[in-house]
Amino acid sequence: MTLTPFLIALSLAQTTPAADPAAAAAQPAPAPVKAAPTLAGALANAPKPTFWGFVNAQYSRTEGLNGADDTSTFELRRARIGARGKVHELVGYSILFDGADSKLKDGYVSLLALPGVEVRMGQWKTPFGYEQYESDTKLLWVNTSYVVGALARGPDARDLGAGLLVQTPKVGPVSAEVLGSFVNGAGPNKKDDLETKNFWGRAGLTLKQGTITLKAGGSYGTGQQVQGTGGNGAFDGVGTPVDDTYFYFHTYGVDATLDTPWLFAAAELIQSERDQSRYATAAAVTTVTRSSRTARGWYAGAYGKTPWNLGPIFRAERFDADRTAPGGRLERYTIGAYVDVIPVNARLILNHELDQGQTGAAGRTGDRTTLFAQVIF
């Protein structure tokens, strides 16, 4: 008996059958291995911010009132650098720092959940009228109008809080916007413990026909603010006033602007009703003196446009801090000119202010001349 046929049969029995190509193709491919997310990877893929800034330098000379000496000074008015961008198509941010006074100006996070709708949390300019909310880089009258500085905002143009900005699509030549801010009322970079916060808002329409744009709107502000902290120089605390002064306010305003190829004009009328409570403490007894006043003011200004990127500047304004008290009216006229090396981004502005306020009125500045230079980068 030979073993050869047996070994051949055993070898054939142990040989692996050939793979079926159709069955192999039907097998699922192995899942790819995903790398764990890292901070470096997230930063590398994040949208890059846009950095920007501007510098304002000025020289001003003021004529003294009632025989006082004249004064003059050079000043670095603003030196700001900022960054803005998005971390997601629905989430954005903006930061603006001013090196001239070492303060944070703008710093907020924005949520862009719907087209034309922005929700903000942080610090920015509160909306009211035209001049208060407009960028400082676009205003050709160098100093804020009396009525805007006194009534159209809190202690500063900026405040801390939450806001809503709504811009509607155009319907024919018309579009609308609604802006609102719910803020502390203490100014930028400051906490405020008062339960009654401040609201500032504006609603307006824009009509655009060719090269002419007309805007008009109404504004409202209300809330409570600390006007003064008394002799101790410190906030006494909620519900425990010692010598602080508070006031409640309701402020109303209307504004309009006209922009054409040869002229830009703006005007505002603002009125504010204010109820003041002044506390004083003597011999452990605290008393309060209450008073009310109505303040009102307006301004109207314009500047010309020419093919040579220069033109004249004019503004007239009047403000009464208390319409029932005589002798307190402020009145001022600003005349001047501007020249743009590069429109808006590199400009030189000359303002001369004629102070025509009533003698003895609080807040008068005297006649003042200002030469103002601006570069935006």
Protein backbone atom coordinates (compact mmCIF):
# COMPACT_ATOMS: atom_id res chain seq x y z
CA MET A 1 0.00 0.00 0.00
CA THR A 2 1.38 3.41 -1.03
CA LEU A 3 0.80 6.70 0.94
CA THR A 4 0.93 9.06 -2.05
CA PRO A 5 -2.81 9.12 -2.91
CA PHE A 6 -3.67 9.62 0.79
CA LEU A 7 -1.27 12.61 1.20
CA ILE A 8 -2.57 14.27 -1.97
CA ALA A 9 -6.16 13.93 -0.76
CA LEU A 10 -5.25 15.38 2.66
CA SER A 11 -3.46 18.34 1.06
CA LEU A 12 -6.45 19.16 -1.11
CA ALA A 13 -8.78 18.98 1.90
CA GLN A 14 -6.68 21.56 3.80
CA THR A 15 -6.32 24.12 0.92
CA THR A 16 -8.27 27.43 1.57
CA PRO A 17 -11.02 27.97 -1.00
CA ALA A 18 -10.53 30.95 -3.37
CA ALA A 19 -12.27 34.18 -2.19
CA ASP A 20 -15.47 35.21 -3.95
CA PRO A 21 -14.84 38.71 -5.47
CA ALA A 22 -18.49 39.71 -5.11
CA ALA A 23 -18.55 38.75 -1.45
CA ALA A 24 -15.31 40.68 -0.79
CA ALA A 25 -16.71 43.82 -2.37
CA ALA A 26 -19.77 43.61 -0.15
CA GLN A 27 -17.70 43.78 3.05
CA PRO A 28 -17.87 47.25 4.80
CA ALA A 29 -14.68 49.35 4.81
CA PRO A 30 -13.10 49.94 8.20
CA ALA A 31 -14.17 53.24 9.87
CA PRO A 32 -11.54 56.01 9.63
CA VAL A 33 -9.77 56.89 12.84
CA LYS A 34 -10.56 60.51 13.90
CA ALA A 35 -7.95 62.50 15.77
CA ALA A 36 -9.06 64.03 19.06
CA PRO A 37 -9.79 67.79 18.76
CA THR A 38 -7.04 70.08 20.03
CA LEU A 39 -6.88 73.76 20.96
CA ALA A 40 -4.18 74.32 18.35
CA GLY A 41 -6.39 72.83 15.66
CA ALA A 42 -9.39 74.91 16.68
CA LEU A 43 -7.33 78.11 16.61
CA ALA A 44 -5.85 77.23 13.23
CA ASN A 45 -9.31 76.75 11.70
CA ALA A 46 -11.01 79.73 13.39
CA PRO A 47 -11.78 82.83 11.29
CA LYS A 48 -9.06 85.46 11.69
CA PRO A 49 -9.94 88.81 13.34
CA THR A 50 -9.71 92.15 11.59
CA PHE A 51 -7.48 94.65 13.39
CA TRP A 52 -8.04 98.38 12.96
CA GLY A 53 -7.55 101.67 14.77
CA PHE A 54 -7.22 105.43 14.53
CA VAL A 55 -5.32 108.35 16.08
CA ASN A 56 -6.71 111.85 16.77
CA ALA A 57 -4.33 114.65 17.77
CA GLN A 58 -5.39 118.25 18.34
CA TYR A 59 -4.33 121.74 19.37
CA SER A 60 -6.91 124.01 21.00
CA ARG A 61 -6.95 127.56 22.32
CA THR A 62 -9.73 128.87 24.57
CA GLU A 63 -10.42 132.52 25.38
CA GLY A 64 -11.06 133.06 29.08
CA LEU A 65 -14.46 134.26 30.32
CA ASN A 66 -14.96 137.36 32.47
CA GLY A 67 -11.31 138.40 32.40
CA ALA A 68 -9.85 134.96 33.03
CA ASP A 69 -6.60 134.04 31.29
CA ASP A 70 -6.65 132.39 27.88
CA THR A 71 -5.53 128.76 27.76
CA SER A 72 -4.06 126.53 25.06
CA THR A 73 -2.95 122.91 24.88
CA PHE A 74 -1.84 120.06 22.65
CA GLU A 75 -3.76 116.84 23.24
CA LEU A 76 -3.80 113.25 22.06
CA ARG A 77 -7.57 113.07 21.84
CA ARG A 78 -7.87 109.41 20.90
CA ALA A 79 -5.44 106.57 20.14
CA ARG A 80 -7.59 103.50 19.61
CA ILE A 81 -6.89 100.01 18.35
CA GLY A 82 -9.48 97.31 17.96
CA ALA A 83 -10.25 93.82 16.73
CA ARG A 84 -13.50 92.43 15.40
CA GLY A 85 -14.60 89.21 13.77
CA LYS A 86 -16.54 85.98 14.16
CA VAL A 87 -15.81 82.66 15.83
CA HIS A 88 -18.86 81.16 14.07
CA GLU A 89 -21.25 82.40 11.41
CA LEU A 90 -23.74 83.11 14.23
CA VAL A 91 -21.34 84.43 16.91
CA GLY A 92 -19.19 87.55 16.63
CA TYR A 93 -17.17 89.89 18.83
CA SER A 94 -15.66 93.39 18.91
CA ILE A 95 -13.01 94.97 21.16
CA LEU A 96 -11.79 98.59 21.10
CA PHE A 97 -9.09 99.96 23.44
CA ASP A 98 -8.08 103.60 23.79
CA GLY A 99 -4.43 104.19 24.66
CA ALA A 100 -5.00 107.94 25.06
CA ASP A 101 -6.89 107.44 28.33
CA SER A 102 -5.95 103.77 28.99
CA LYS A 103 -9.54 102.53 28.93
CA LEU A 104 -11.49 99.81 27.19
CA LYS A 105 -14.05 101.47 24.92
CA ASP A 106 -15.94 98.67 23.16
CA GLY A 107 -15.99 95.05 24.27
CA TYR A 108 -18.94 92.85 23.43
CA VAL A 109 -20.07 89.46 22.15
CA SER A 110 -22.78 89.40 19.49
CA LEU A 111 -25.22 86.67 18.47
CA LEU A 112 -26.41 86.80 14.85
CA ALA A 113 -29.24 84.28 15.02
CA LEU A 114 -31.45 85.78 12.29
CA PRO A 115 -30.73 87.91 9.21
CA GLY A 116 -30.70 91.56 10.20
CA VAL A 117 -30.93 90.79 13.94
CA GLU A 118 -28.02 91.14 16.39
CA VAL A 119 -28.07 90.49 20.14
CA ARG A 120 -25.19 91.97 22.16
CA MET A 121 -23.74 91.53 25.63
CA GLY A 122 -20.95 93.78 26.87
CA GLN A 123 -20.03 97.45 26.39
CA TRP A 124 -20.64 99.83 23.46
CA LYS A 125 -22.23 103.16 22.54
CA THR A 126 -25.84 103.39 23.67
CA PRO A 127 -28.27 104.29 20.84
CA PHE A 128 -29.98 107.68 20.90
CA GLY A 129 -30.42 110.10 18.01
CA TYR A 130 -27.66 110.74 15.47
CA GLU A 131 -24.61 112.35 17.09
CA GLN A 132 -24.44 110.13 20.19
CA TYR A 133 -24.39 106.85 18.23
CA GLU A 134 -22.33 107.99 15.23
CA SER A 135 -18.66 107.02 15.03
CA ASP A 136 -16.35 109.75 16.34
CA THR A 137 -14.29 109.42 13.16
CA LYS A 138 -17.17 110.74 11.01
CA LEU A 139 -18.13 113.85 13.01
CA LEU A 140 -16.70 117.11 11.66
CA TRP A 141 -17.63 119.24 14.69
CA VAL A 142 -14.89 118.22 17.10
CA ASN A 143 -16.69 118.79 20.43
CA THR A 144 -19.95 117.08 21.39
CA SER A 145 -23.09 119.22 21.26
CA TYR A 146 -24.25 120.56 24.64
CA VAL A 147 -27.61 118.79 24.51
CA VAL A 148 -26.17 115.42 23.43
CA GLY A 149 -23.51 115.43 26.16
CA ALA A 150 -26.08 116.36 28.82
CA LEU A 151 -29.21 114.40 27.86
CA ALA A 152 -28.65 111.76 25.15
CA ARG A 153 -26.63 109.31 27.25
CA GLY A 154 -25.40 108.44 30.73
CA PRO A 155 -22.14 109.70 32.23
CA ASP A 156 -20.38 108.58 29.04
CA ALA A 157 -21.26 107.64 25.47
CA ARG A 158 -20.68 103.97 26.37
CA ASP A 159 -22.20 101.70 29.00
CA LEU A 160 -22.35 98.05 30.10
CA GLY A 161 -25.35 95.84 29.42
CA ALA A 162 -27.33 93.96 26.78
CA GLY A 163 -28.69 95.16 23.48
CA LEU A 164 -30.81 94.33 20.45
CA LEU A 165 -30.21 95.70 16.93
CA VAL A 166 -32.73 95.04 14.15
CA GLN A 167 -32.26 96.11 10.52
CA THR A 168 -35.13 95.35 8.12
CA PRO A 169 -34.73 94.58 4.41
CA LYS A 170 -35.48 97.41 2.00
CA VAL A 171 -39.04 97.76 0.73
CA GLY A 172 -38.60 99.81 -2.38
CA PRO A 173 -36.40 102.77 -1.34
CA VAL A 174 -37.29 102.48 2.38
CA SER A 175 -35.72 100.45 5.21
CA ALA A 176 -36.15 100.56 8.98
CA GLU A 177 -34.03 99.94 12.06
CA VAL A 178 -34.71 99.47 15.77
CA LEU A 179 -31.89 99.70 18.34
CA GLY A 180 -32.19 99.15 22.09
CA SER A 181 -29.80 98.86 25.04
CA PHE A 182 -30.52 97.86 28.65
CA VAL A 183 -27.48 99.05 30.65
CA ASN A 184 -26.14 99.88 34.11
CA GLY A 185 -26.23 103.65 33.69
CA ALA A 186 -22.85 104.20 35.38
CA GLY A 187 -20.70 104.54 32.25
CA PRO A 188 -17.98 102.29 30.81
CA ASN A 189 -16.04 99.70 32.82
CA LYS A 190 -18.19 100.23 35.93
CA LYS A 191 -20.51 98.03 37.94
CA ASP A 192 -23.75 99.51 39.27
CA ASP A 193 -25.85 98.06 42.08
CA LEU A 194 -29.01 100.10 41.50
CA GLU A 195 -31.97 97.84 40.76
CA THR A 196 -33.39 100.33 38.25
CA LYS A 197 -31.22 100.13 35.15
CA ASN A 198 -31.21 102.42 32.11
CA PHE A 199 -32.85 101.89 28.74
CA TRP A 200 -31.76 103.75 25.62
CA GLY A 201 -33.35 103.13 22.23
CA ARG A 202 -33.99 104.52 18.77
CA ALA A 203 -36.31 103.58 15.90
CA GLY A 204 -35.94 105.12 12.48
CA LEU A 205 -36.57 104.99 8.75
CA THR A 206 -34.13 105.42 5.86
CA LEU A 207 -35.18 106.65 2.42
CA LYS A 208 -32.58 106.23 -0.33
CA GLN A 209 -33.16 107.62 -3.81
CA GLY A 210 -30.12 107.47 -6.07
CA THR A 211 -27.30 109.43 -4.44
CA ILE A 212 -29.55 111.08 -1.82
CA THR A 213 -30.22 109.46 1.58
CA LEU A 214 -32.70 110.81 4.14
CA LYS A 215 -32.91 109.37 7.65
CA ALA A 216 -35.35 110.25 10.44
CA GLY A 217 -36.01 108.68 13.81
CA GLY A 218 -37.27 108.97 17.35
CA SER A 219 -35.40 108.05 20.54
CA TYR A 220 -36.27 107.36 24.17
CA GLY A 221 -34.29 106.89 27.37
CA THR A 222 -35.35 106.16 30.95
CA GLY A 223 -33.86 104.93 34.23
CA GLN A 224 -32.09 105.95 37.45
CA GLN A 225 -28.55 107.23 37.91
CA VAL A 226 -26.29 108.35 40.73
CA GLN A 227 -25.58 112.03 40.11
CA GLY A 228 -23.17 112.60 43.00
CA THR A 229 -21.56 110.70 45.88
CA GLY A 230 -21.39 113.56 48.38
CA GLY A 231 -18.62 114.50 50.76
CA ASN A 232 -17.37 110.96 51.37
CA GLY A 233 -16.79 110.43 47.64
CA ALA A 234 -18.19 106.89 47.75
CA PHE A 235 -21.46 105.22 46.80
CA ASP A 236 -23.38 104.72 50.05
CA GLY A 237 -25.11 101.53 48.93
CA VAL A 238 -28.58 100.58 47.80
CA GLY A 239 -31.21 101.56 50.36
CA THR A 240 -28.71 103.26 52.71
CA PRO A 241 -28.15 106.78 51.32
CA VAL A 242 -26.06 109.12 53.46
CA ASP A 243 -25.16 112.04 51.21
CA ASP A 244 -25.65 110.70 47.67
CA THR A 245 -27.75 112.34 44.97
CA TYR A 246 -29.94 110.27 42.63
CA PHE A 247 -32.22 111.14 39.75
CA TYR A 248 -34.83 109.42 37.60
CA PHE A 249 -35.21 110.53 34.01
CA HIS A 250 -37.40 110.25 30.93
CA THR A 251 -35.71 111.55 27.78
CA TYR A 252 -37.26 111.99 24.32
CA GLY A 253 -35.64 112.95 21.04
CA VAL A 254 -36.18 113.30 17.30
CA ASP A 255 -33.42 113.45 14.70
CA ALA A 256 -32.95 113.73 10.95
CA THR A 257 -29.99 113.58 8.56
CA LEU A 258 -29.67 114.36 4.86
CA ASP A 259 -26.74 113.06 2.82
CA THR A 260 -26.19 114.25 -0.77
CA PRO A 261 -23.17 114.42 -3.10
CA TRP A 262 -22.67 118.11 -2.22
CA LEU A 263 -23.95 118.44 1.38
CA PHE A 264 -24.47 116.56 4.64
CA ALA A 265 -26.85 117.98 7.28
CA ALA A 266 -28.04 116.76 10.70
CA ALA A 267 -30.40 118.10 13.37
CA GLU A 268 -31.75 116.91 16.72
CA LEU A 269 -34.26 118.10 19.33
CA ILE A 270 -34.07 116.49 22.79
CA GLN A 271 -36.08 116.99 26.00
CA SER A 272 -35.57 115.30 29.38
CA GLU A 273 -37.72 115.29 32.53
CA ARG A 274 -35.65 114.70 35.67
CA ASP A 275 -36.65 114.02 39.28
CA GLN A 276 -33.78 114.47 41.73
CA SER A 277 -33.36 113.20 45.32
CA ARG A 278 -30.52 114.75 47.32
CA TYR A 279 -29.71 113.07 50.67
CA ALA A 280 -27.93 114.63 53.65
CA THR A 281 -27.09 113.19 57.07
CA ALA A 282 -26.48 115.10 60.30
CA ALA A 283 -26.51 113.76 63.87
CA ALA A 284 -27.41 110.30 62.54
CA VAL A 285 -30.56 111.70 60.90
CA THR A 286 -30.88 111.45 57.10
CA THR A 287 -33.06 113.91 55.22
CA VAL A 288 -33.92 114.12 51.53
CA THR A 289 -34.61 117.12 49.31
CA ARG A 290 -36.56 116.42 46.13
CA SER A 291 -36.78 118.57 43.03
CA SER A 292 -37.86 118.29 39.40
CA ARG A 293 -36.75 120.03 36.23
CA THR A 294 -37.20 119.84 32.50
CA ALA A 295 -34.18 120.25 30.22
CA ARG A 296 -34.35 120.87 26.49
CA GLY A 297 -31.95 121.57 23.68
CA TRP A 298 -31.26 121.28 19.97
CA TYR A 299 -28.52 121.50 17.40
CA ALA A 300 -28.37 121.77 13.61
CA GLY A 301 -25.21 121.31 11.61
CA ALA A 302 -23.96 120.84 8.06
CA TYR A 303 -20.80 120.50 6.03
CA GLY A 304 -20.19 120.94 2.34
CA LYS A 305 -18.69 118.45 -0.11
CA THR A 306 -16.55 119.34 -3.12
CA PRO A 307 -14.59 117.42 -5.79
CA TRP A 308 -11.39 118.46 -3.98
CA ASN A 309 -12.28 116.59 -0.72
CA LEU A 310 -12.62 119.76 1.33
CA GLY A 311 -15.47 121.97 2.48
CA PRO A 312 -16.97 124.30 5.09
CA ILE A 313 -18.38 123.25 8.49
CA PHE A 314 -21.21 124.89 10.46
CA ARG A 315 -23.20 124.02 13.59
CA ALA A 316 -25.64 126.02 15.74
CA GLU A 317 -26.86 124.79 19.13
CA ARG A 318 -28.78 125.83 22.24
CA PHE A 319 -29.37 124.08 25.57
CA ASP A 320 -31.35 124.90 28.74
CA ALA A 321 -30.54 122.62 31.69
CA ASP A 322 -33.64 123.91 33.54
CA ARG A 323 -36.31 125.66 31.48
CA THR A 324 -37.91 127.21 34.57
CA ALA A 325 -34.68 128.80 35.85
CA PRO A 326 -33.60 132.06 34.18
CA GLY A 327 -30.06 132.81 33.11
CA GLY A 328 -28.87 129.27 32.38
CA ARG A 329 -29.05 129.06 28.60
CA LEU A 330 -26.00 127.78 26.69
CA GLU A 331 -25.63 128.85 23.07
CA ARG A 332 -22.76 128.14 20.68
CA TYR A 333 -21.92 128.46 16.99
CA THR A 334 -19.21 126.38 15.33
CA ILE A 335 -17.66 127.41 12.02
CA GLY A 336 -14.70 125.85 10.26
CA ALA A 337 -13.43 123.74 7.40
CA TYR A 338 -11.97 120.33 6.66
CA VAL A 339 -9.65 118.80 4.10
CA ASP A 340 -9.27 115.08 3.37
CA VAL A 341 -5.98 113.70 2.10
CA ILE A 342 -7.84 110.38 1.99
CA PRO A 343 -11.62 110.66 2.58
CA VAL A 344 -12.31 110.10 6.32
CA ASN A 345 -9.12 108.04 6.82
CA ALA A 346 -6.68 110.97 6.73
CA ARG A 347 -8.17 114.39 7.42
CA LEU A 348 -7.49 117.77 8.98
CA ILE A 349 -10.33 119.71 10.69
CA LEU A 350 -10.46 123.33 11.88
CA ASN A 351 -13.26 124.38 14.28
CA HIS A 352 -13.83 127.81 15.80
CA GLU A 353 -16.56 127.94 18.47
CA LEU A 354 -18.33 131.22 19.28
CA ASP A 355 -19.70 131.02 22.83
CA GLN A 356 -22.92 133.07 23.04
CA GLY A 357 -24.30 131.59 26.27
CA GLN A 358 -25.92 133.73 28.94
CA THR A 359 -23.54 135.35 31.41
CA GLY A 360 -23.08 133.11 34.44
CA ALA A 361 -24.59 130.02 32.81
CA ALA A 362 -22.98 126.81 34.07
CA GLY A 363 -21.01 124.98 31.40
CA ARG A 364 -19.88 127.92 29.28
CA THR A 365 -16.48 127.35 27.68
CA GLY A 366 -15.61 130.66 26.06
CA ASP A 367 -14.61 131.04 22.41
CA ARG A 368 -12.40 128.17 21.35
CA THR A 369 -10.31 127.29 18.28
CA THR A 370 -9.33 123.67 17.58
CA LEU A 371 -7.07 122.17 14.93
CA PHE A 372 -7.74 118.43 14.71
CA ALA A 373 -5.84 115.73 12.76
CA GLN A 374 -7.12 112.18 12.15
CA VAL A 375 -5.57 109.04 10.68
CA ILE A 376 -7.44 105.71 10.47
CA PHE A 377 -5.65 102.43 9.78
